[in-house]
PDB file of N, CA and C in Angstrom:
ATOM      1  N   MET A   1     130.341 144.579-188.221  1.00  0.00           N
ATOM      2  CA  MET A   1     129.644 143.335-186.739  1.00  0.00           C
ATOM      3  C   MET A   1     129.350 142.777-188.632  1.00  0.00           C
ATOM      4  N   LYS A   2     128.856 142.894-189.653  1.00  0.00           N
ATOM      5  CA  LYS A   2     128.609 142.589-190.478  1.00  0.00           C
ATOM      6  C   LYS A   2     129.093 140.913-190.776  1.00  0.00           C
ATOM      7  N   LYS A   3     130.687 141.314-190.805  1.00  0.00           N
ATOM      8  CA  LYS A   3     131.614 140.909-191.554  1.00  0.00           C
ATOM      9  C   LYS A   3     131.799 139.597-190.700  1.00  0.00           C
ATOM     10  N   VAL A   4     131.140 140.045-189.676  1.00  0.00           N
ATOM     11  CA  VAL A   4     131.721 138.258-188.193  1.00  0.00           C
ATOM     12  C   VAL A   4     130.771 137.594-188.454  1.00  0.00           C
ATOM     13  N   LEU A   5     129.416 138.252-189.084  1.00  0.00           N
ATOM     14  CA  LEU A   5     128.106 137.594-189.269  1.00  0.00           C
ATOM     15  C   LEU A   5     128.253 136.935-190.147  1.00  0.00           C
ATOM     16  N   SER A   6     129.013 137.339-191.396  1.00  0.00           N
ATOM     17  CA  SER A   6     128.717 137.019-192.499  1.00  0.00           C
ATOM     18  C   SER A   6     129.766 136.108-192.991  1.00  0.00           C
ATOM     19  N   ILE A   7     131.164 136.089-191.711  1.00  0.00           N
ATOM     20  CA  ILE A   7     131.846 134.679-191.066  1.00  0.00           C
ATOM     21  C   ILE A   7     131.650 133.772-191.115  1.00  0.00           C
ATOM     22  N   LEU A   8     130.353 134.017-190.269  1.00  0.00           N
ATOM     23  CA  LEU A   8     130.387 132.907-189.411  1.00  0.00           C
ATOM     24  C   LEU A   8     129.016 131.844-190.262  1.00  0.00           C
ATOM     25  N   ALA A   9     127.997 132.798-190.152  1.00  0.00           N
ATOM     26  CA  ALA A   9     126.896 132.453-191.823  1.00  0.00           C
ATOM     27  C   ALA A   9     128.025 131.649-192.417  1.00  0.00           C
ATOM     28  N   VAL A  10     128.854 131.623-192.863  1.00  0.00           N
ATOM     29  CA  VAL A  10     129.578 130.642-194.381  1.00  0.00           C
ATOM     30  C   VAL A  10     130.219 129.488-193.496  1.00  0.00           C
ATOM     31  N   ALA A  11     130.589 130.041-192.422  1.00  0.00           N
ATOM     32  CA  ALA A  11     131.268 128.839-192.002  1.00  0.00           C
ATOM     33  C   ALA A  11     129.701 127.586-191.325  1.00  0.00           C
ATOM     34  N   ILE A  12     128.963 127.911-190.710  1.00  0.00           N
ATOM     35  CA  ILE A  12     128.000 127.058-190.198  1.00  0.00           C
ATOM     36  C   ILE A  12     127.512 126.483-191.955  1.00  0.00           C
ATOM     37  N   VAL A  13     127.411 127.326-192.628  1.00  0.00           N
ATOM     38  CA  VAL A  13     126.877 126.580-193.971  1.00  0.00           C
ATOM     39  C   VAL A  13     127.947 125.553-194.426  1.00  0.00           C
ATOM     40  N   ILE A  14     129.169 126.066-194.922  1.00  0.00           N
ATOM     41  CA  ILE A  14     130.285 124.699-194.775  1.00  0.00           C
ATOM     42  C   ILE A  14     130.196 124.264-193.829  1.00  0.00           C
ATOM     43  N   GLY A  15     130.269 123.989-192.728  1.00  0.00           N
ATOM     44  CA  GLY A  15     130.117 123.141-191.681  1.00  0.00           C
ATOM     45  C   GLY A  15     128.845 121.324-192.209  1.00  0.00           C
ATOM     46  N   SER A  16     127.733 121.788-192.076  1.00  0.00           N
ATOM     47  CA  SER A  16     126.567 121.684-191.845  1.00  0.00           C
ATOM     48  C   SER A  16     126.786 121.130-193.995  1.00  0.00           C
ATOM     49  N   CYS A  17     127.696 121.499-195.022  1.00  0.00           N
ATOM     50  CA  CYS A  17     127.305 120.242-195.814  1.00  0.00           C
ATOM     51  C   CYS A  17     128.835 119.295-196.108  1.00  0.00           C
ATOM     52  N   VAL A  18     129.515 119.866-195.022  1.00  0.00           N
ATOM     53  CA  VAL A  18     130.370 119.289-194.693  1.00  0.00           C
ATOM     54  C   VAL A  18     130.457 117.804-194.071  1.00  0.00           C
ATOM     55  N   SER A  19     129.327 117.746-192.893  1.00  0.00           N
ATOM     56  CA  SER A  19     128.780 116.644-192.039  1.00  0.00           C
ATOM     57  C   SER A  19     127.898 115.744-192.852  1.00  0.00           C
ATOM     58  N   THR A  20     127.247 116.847-194.188  1.00  0.00           N
ATOM     59  CA  THR A  20     125.928 116.510-194.448  1.00  0.00           C
ATOM     60  C   THR A  20     126.758 115.295-195.037  1.00  0.00           C
ATOM     61  N   LYS A  21     127.392 115.634-196.044  1.00  0.00           N
ATOM     62  CA  LYS A  21     128.070 115.020-197.006  1.00  0.00           C
ATOM     63  C   LYS A  21     129.159 113.618-196.468  1.00  0.00           C
ATOM     64  N   LYS A  22     129.469 114.021-195.280  1.00  0.00           N
ATOM     65  CA  LYS A  22     130.112 112.693-194.778  1.00  0.00           C
ATOM     66  C   LYS A  22     128.813 111.403-193.922  1.00  0.00           C
ATOM     67  N   SER A  23     127.539 111.813-194.063  1.00  0.00           N
ATOM     68  CA  SER A  23     126.344 110.851-193.627  1.00  0.00           C
ATOM     69  C   SER A  23     126.327 110.280-194.737  1.00  0.00           C
ATOM     70  N   THR A  24     126.402 110.893-195.736  1.00  0.00           N
ATOM     71  CA  THR A  24     125.694 110.381-197.109  1.00  0.00           C
ATOM     72  C   THR A  24     126.771 109.825-197.756  1.00  0.00           C
ATOM     73  N   ASP A  25     127.904 110.143-197.924  1.00  0.00           N
ATOM     74  CA  ASP A  25     128.588 108.896-198.128  1.00  0.00           C
ATOM     75  C   ASP A  25     128.871 107.360-198.752  1.00  0.00           C
ATOM     76  N   PRO A  26     128.022 107.145-199.975  1.00  0.00           N
ATOM     77  CA  PRO A  26     126.838 106.281-200.658  1.00  0.00           C
ATOM     78  C   PRO A  26     128.407 104.835-200.104  1.00  0.00           C
ATOM     79  N   CYS A  27     129.746 105.003-200.308  1.00  0.00           N
ATOM     80  CA  CYS A  27     130.997 104.453-199.693  1.00  0.00           C
ATOM     81  C   CYS A  27     130.087 103.780-198.653  1.00  0.00           C
ATOM     82  N   LEU A  28     130.288 104.528-197.566  1.00  0.00           N
ATOM     83  CA  LEU A  28     130.255 104.531-196.183  1.00  0.00           C
ATOM     84  C   LEU A  28     129.169 104.085-196.386  1.00  0.00           C
ATOM     85  N   GLN A  29     128.205 104.722-196.619  1.00  0.00           N
ATOM     86  CA  GLN A  29     126.653 103.054-196.013  1.00  0.00           C
ATOM     87  C   GLN A  29     126.729 101.852-196.295  1.00  0.00           C
ATOM     88  N   THR A  30     127.008 102.008-197.885  1.00  0.00           N
ATOM     89  CA  THR A  30     127.810 100.497-198.020  1.00  0.00           C
ATOM     90  C   THR A  30     128.728  99.358-197.510  1.00  0.00           C
ATOM     91  N   LYS A  31     129.319 100.404-196.531  1.00  0.00           N
ATOM     92  CA  LYS A  31     130.307  99.609-195.792  1.00  0.00           C
ATOM     93  C   LYS A  31     129.851  99.473-194.338  1.00  0.00           C
ATOM     94  N   HIS A  32     129.015 100.754-193.863  1.00  0.00           N
ATOM     95  CA  HIS A  32     127.815 100.232-192.912  1.00  0.00           C
ATOM     96  C   HIS A  32     126.980  98.807-192.662  1.00  0.00           C
ATOM     97  N   GLU A  33     126.387  98.698-193.867  1.00  0.00           N
ATOM     98  CA  GLU A  33     125.498  97.681-194.197  1.00  0.00           C
ATOM     99  C   GLU A  33     126.171  96.500-194.772  1.00  0.00           C
ATOM    100  N   VAL A  34     126.685  96.330-195.373  1.00  0.00           N
ATOM    101  CA  VAL A  34     127.797  95.243-194.805  1.00  0.00           C
ATOM    102  C   VAL A  34     127.823  94.942-193.861  1.00  0.00           C
ATOM    103  N   ASP A  35     128.796  95.147-193.308  1.00  0.00           N
ATOM    104  CA  ASP A  35     128.619  96.031-191.837  1.00  0.00           C
ATOM    105  C   ASP A  35     127.769  95.081-191.277  1.00  0.00           C
ATOM    106  N   SER A  36     127.070  95.200-191.470  1.00  0.00           N
ATOM    107  CA  SER A  36     125.673  94.804-189.716  1.00  0.00           C
ATOM    108  C   SER A  36     124.775  93.644-190.680  1.00  0.00           C
ATOM    109  N   LEU A  37     125.279  93.380-192.425  1.00  0.00           N
ATOM    110  CA  LEU A  37     124.695  92.058-193.610  1.00  0.00           C
ATOM    111  C   LEU A  37     125.664  90.905-192.609  1.00  0.00           C
ATOM    112  N   LYS A  38     126.773  91.328-192.055  1.00  0.00           N
ATOM    113  CA  LYS A  38     126.889  90.416-192.322  1.00  0.00           C
ATOM    114  C   LYS A  38     127.544  89.752-190.660  1.00  0.00           C
ATOM    115  N   LYS A  39     127.393  90.834-189.697  1.00  0.00           N
ATOM    116  CA  LYS A  39     127.101  90.299-188.406  1.00  0.00           C
ATOM    117  C   LYS A  39     125.395  89.933-187.681  1.00  0.00           C
ATOM    118  N   VAL A  40     124.420  89.845-188.988  1.00  0.00           N
ATOM    119  CA  VAL A  40     122.519  88.944-189.397  1.00  0.00           C
ATOM    120  C   VAL A  40     123.034  87.567-189.267  1.00  0.00           C
ATOM    121  N   ILE A  41     124.078  87.833-191.076  1.00  0.00           N
ATOM    122  CA  ILE A  41     124.902  85.998-190.899  1.00  0.00           C
ATOM    123  C   ILE A  41     125.171  85.670-190.078  1.00  0.00           C
ATOM    124  N   ALA A  42     126.265  85.957-189.365  1.00  0.00           N
ATOM    125  CA  ALA A  42     126.973  85.469-188.863  1.00  0.00           C
ATOM    126  C   ALA A  42     125.642  84.693-188.004  1.00  0.00           C
ATOM    127  N   SER A  43     124.759  85.798-186.765  1.00  0.00           N
ATOM    128  CA  SER A  43     124.028  85.424-186.149  1.00  0.00           C
ATOM    129  C   SER A  43     123.070  84.376-186.501  1.00  0.00           C
ATOM    130  N   LEU A  44     122.368  84.282-188.086  1.00  0.00           N
ATOM    131  CA  LEU A  44     121.843  82.902-188.529  1.00  0.00           C
ATOM    132  C   LEU A  44     122.614  82.569-188.524  1.00  0.00           C
ATOM    133  N   GLU A  45     124.157  82.602-188.228  1.00  0.00           N
ATOM    134  CA  GLU A  45     124.610  80.693-188.655  1.00  0.00           C
ATOM    135  C   GLU A  45     124.817  79.463-187.873  1.00  0.00           C
ATOM    136  N   ASP A  46     124.364  80.812-186.410  1.00  0.00           N
ATOM    137  CA  ASP A  46     125.066  80.549-185.326  1.00  0.00           C
ATOM    138  C   ASP A  46     123.901  79.217-185.035  1.00  0.00           C
ATOM    139  N   GLU A  47     122.430  80.079-185.515  1.00  0.00           N
ATOM    140  CA  GLU A  47     120.699  79.800-185.021  1.00  0.00           C
ATOM    141  C   GLU A  47     120.372  78.771-186.060  1.00  0.00           C
ATOM    142  N   ILE A  48     121.238  78.200-186.930  1.00  0.00           N
ATOM    143  CA  ILE A  48     120.717  77.692-187.550  1.00  0.00           C
ATOM    144  C   ILE A  48     121.814  75.617-187.004  1.00  0.00           C
ATOM    145  N   ASP A  49     123.338  76.184-186.718  1.00  0.00           N
ATOM    146  CA  ASP A  49     123.794  75.431-185.940  1.00  0.00           C
ATOM    147  C   ASP A  49     123.521  74.883-185.034  1.00  0.00           C
ATOM    148  N   PHE A  50     122.520  75.224-184.263  1.00  0.00           N
ATOM    149  CA  PHE A  50     121.783  75.586-183.014  1.00  0.00           C
ATOM    150  C   PHE A  50     120.653  75.119-183.571  1.00  0.00           C
ATOM    151  N   TRP A  51     119.598  74.504-184.305  1.00  0.00           N
ATOM    152  CA  TRP A  51     118.694  74.147-184.505  1.00  0.00           C
ATOM    153  C   TRP A  51     118.885  72.746-185.361  1.00  0.00           C
ATOM    154  N   LYS A  52     120.995  72.724-185.846  1.00  0.00           N
ATOM    155  CA  LYS A  52     121.139  71.715-186.175  1.00  0.00           C
ATOM    156  C   LYS A  52     121.662  70.459-184.886  1.00  0.00           C
ATOM    157  N   ASP A  53     121.701  70.882-184.317  1.00  0.00           N
ATOM    158  CA  ASP A  53     122.499  69.704-182.512  1.00  0.00           C
ATOM    159  C   ASP A  53     120.812  69.890-182.194  1.00  0.00           C
ATOM    160  N   GLU A  54     119.455  70.431-182.929  1.00  0.00           N
ATOM    161  CA  GLU A  54     118.175  70.405-181.672  1.00  0.00           C
ATOM    162  C   GLU A  54     118.217  68.816-182.408  1.00  0.00           C
ATOM    163  N   VAL A  55     118.245  68.911-184.043  1.00  0.00           N
ATOM    164  CA  VAL A  55     117.119  68.628-184.164  1.00  0.00           C
ATOM    165  C   VAL A  55     118.023  66.739-185.209  1.00  0.00           C
ATOM    166  N   GLN A  56     118.699  67.091-184.431  1.00  0.00           N
ATOM    167  CA  GLN A  56     119.817  66.001-184.246  1.00  0.00           C
ATOM    168  C   GLN A  56     119.053  64.648-182.742  1.00  0.00           C
ATOM    169  N   TRP A  57     119.403  66.011-182.020  1.00  0.00           N
ATOM    170  CA  TRP A  57     118.907  65.706-180.649  1.00  0.00           C
ATOM    171  C   TRP A  57     117.487  65.121-180.888  1.00  0.00           C
ATOM    172  N   ARG A  58     116.463  65.244-181.615  1.00  0.00           N
ATOM    173  CA  ARG A  58     115.043  65.019-181.494  1.00  0.00           C
ATOM    174  C   ARG A  58     114.708  63.750-181.930  1.00  0.00           C
ATOM    175  N   GLU A  59     116.196  63.311-182.867  1.00  0.00           N
ATOM    176  CA  GLU A  59     115.932  62.362-184.202  1.00  0.00           C
ATOM    177  C   GLU A  59     116.140  60.639-183.450  1.00  0.00           C
ATOM    178  N   ALA A  60     117.649  61.114-182.107  1.00  0.00           N
ATOM    179  CA  ALA A  60     117.967  60.128-181.826  1.00  0.00           C
ATOM    180  C   ALA A  60     117.272  59.622-180.409  1.00  0.00           C
ATOM    181  N   GLU A  61     115.902  60.731-179.601  1.00  0.00           N
ATOM    182  CA  GLU A  61     115.463  60.565-178.905  1.00  0.00           C
ATOM    183  C   GLU A  61     114.395  59.537-180.432  1.00  0.00           C
ATOM    184  N   VAL A  62     113.753  60.224-180.529  1.00  0.00           N
ATOM    185  CA  VAL A  62     112.682  59.385-181.916  1.00  0.00           C
ATOM    186  C   VAL A  62     112.782  58.089-182.081  1.00  0.00           C
ATOM    187  N   SER A  63     114.347  57.942-182.521  1.00  0.00           N
ATOM    188  CA  SER A  63     114.940  56.570-182.115  1.00  0.00           C
ATOM    189  C   SER A  63     114.806  56.202-181.569  1.00  0.00           C
ATOM    190  N   TYR A  64     115.256  56.374-180.311  1.00  0.00           N
ATOM    191  CA  TYR A  64     115.302  55.554-179.476  1.00  0.00           C
ATOM    192  C   TYR A  64     113.900  55.089-178.465  1.00  0.00           C
ATOM    193  N   TRP A  65     112.532  55.632-178.971  1.00  0.00           N
ATOM    194  CA  TRP A  65     111.767  55.967-178.293  1.00  0.00           C
ATOM    195  C   TRP A  65     110.432  55.068-179.759  1.00  0.00           C
ATOM    196  N   GLY A  66     111.160  54.483-180.619  1.00  0.00           N
ATOM    197  CA  GLY A  66     110.896  53.770-181.254  1.00  0.00           C
ATOM    198  C   GLY A  66     111.742  52.637-181.206  1.00  0.00           C
ATOM    199  N   ARG A  67     113.202  52.335-180.751  1.00  0.00           N
ATOM    200  CA  ARG A  67     113.324  50.861-180.268  1.00  0.00           C
ATOM    201  C   ARG A  67     112.792  50.353-179.301  1.00  0.00           C
ATOM    202  N   LYS A  68     112.636  51.711-178.174  1.00  0.00           N
ATOM    203  CA  LYS A  68     111.738  50.746-176.971  1.00  0.00           C
ATOM    204  C   LYS A  68     110.228  50.126-177.839  1.00  0.00           C
ATOM    205  N   TYR A  69     110.011  50.814-178.539  1.00  0.00           N
ATOM    206  CA  TYR A  69     107.933  50.519-178.781  1.00  0.00           C
ATOM    207  C   TYR A  69     108.673  49.017-178.756  1.00  0.00           C
ATOM    208  N   ASP A  70     109.294  49.047-180.705  1.00  0.00           N
ATOM    209  CA  ASP A  70     109.842  48.015-181.379  1.00  0.00           C
ATOM    210  C   ASP A  70     110.206  46.014-179.847  1.00  0.00           C
ATOM    211  N   SER A  71     110.333  46.773-178.747  1.00  0.00           N
ATOM    212  CA  SER A  71     110.653  45.533-177.995  1.00  0.00           C
ATOM    213  C   SER A  71     109.832  44.964-177.033  1.00  0.00           C
ATOM    214  N   ILE A  72     109.208  46.620-176.280  1.00  0.00           N
ATOM    215  CA  ILE A  72     107.562  45.849-175.837  1.00  0.00           C
ATOM    216  C   ILE A  72     106.781  45.633-176.125  1.00  0.00           C
ATOM    217  N   LYS A  73     106.445  46.027-178.142  1.00  0.00           N
ATOM    218  CA  LYS A  73     106.082  44.923-178.960  1.00  0.00           C
ATOM    219  C   LYS A  73     106.509  43.682-179.378  1.00  0.00           C
ATOM    220  N   MET A  74     107.775  43.672-178.993  1.00  0.00           N
ATOM    221  CA  MET A  74     108.305  41.898-179.615  1.00  0.00           C
ATOM    222  C   MET A  74     107.736  40.821-178.207  1.00  0.00           C
ATOM    223  N   GLU A  75     107.506  41.751-177.210  1.00  0.00           N
ATOM    224  CA  GLU A  75     107.604  40.968-175.891  1.00  0.00           C
ATOM    225  C   GLU A  75     106.294  40.883-175.562  1.00  0.00           C
ATOM    226  N   VAL A  76     105.784  41.358-176.543  1.00  0.00           N
ATOM    227  CA  VAL A  76     103.726  41.442-176.104  1.00  0.00           C
ATOM    228  C   VAL A  76     103.593  39.627-176.940  1.00  0.00           C
ATOM    229  N   ILE A  77     103.552  39.875-178.146  1.00  0.00           N
ATOM    230  CA  ILE A  77     104.036  38.710-178.973  1.00  0.00           C
ATOM    231  C   ILE A  77     103.945  37.378-178.767  1.00  0.00           C
ATOM    232  N   LYS A  78     105.666  37.740-178.078  1.00  0.00           N
ATOM    233  CA  LYS A  78     106.514  36.055-178.056  1.00  0.00           C
ATOM    234  C   LYS A  78     105.199  35.619-176.412  1.00  0.00           C
ATOM    235  N   LYS A  79     104.300  36.683-175.546  1.00  0.00           N
ATOM    236  CA  LYS A  79     103.555  35.930-175.307  1.00  0.00           C
ATOM    237  C   LYS A  79     102.187  35.512-175.424  1.00  0.00           C
TER     238      LYS A  79
END
């Protein structure tokens, strides 16, 4: 009975060491961090593209209203 318990205890200790080593492997952690950061970068690049389009649309709108203002101003001056 003592042999079975000691073998079981050794197996549990070895199993926990192996599972702990896998989860704290620096290369594996670094790979996960790199993958995570790549996802963040891709997301931010998409957001940058969105805001570039938004700024371009707003600039076009400002330009339109500026021309509209100038044309109305010219009509008032002519009268």
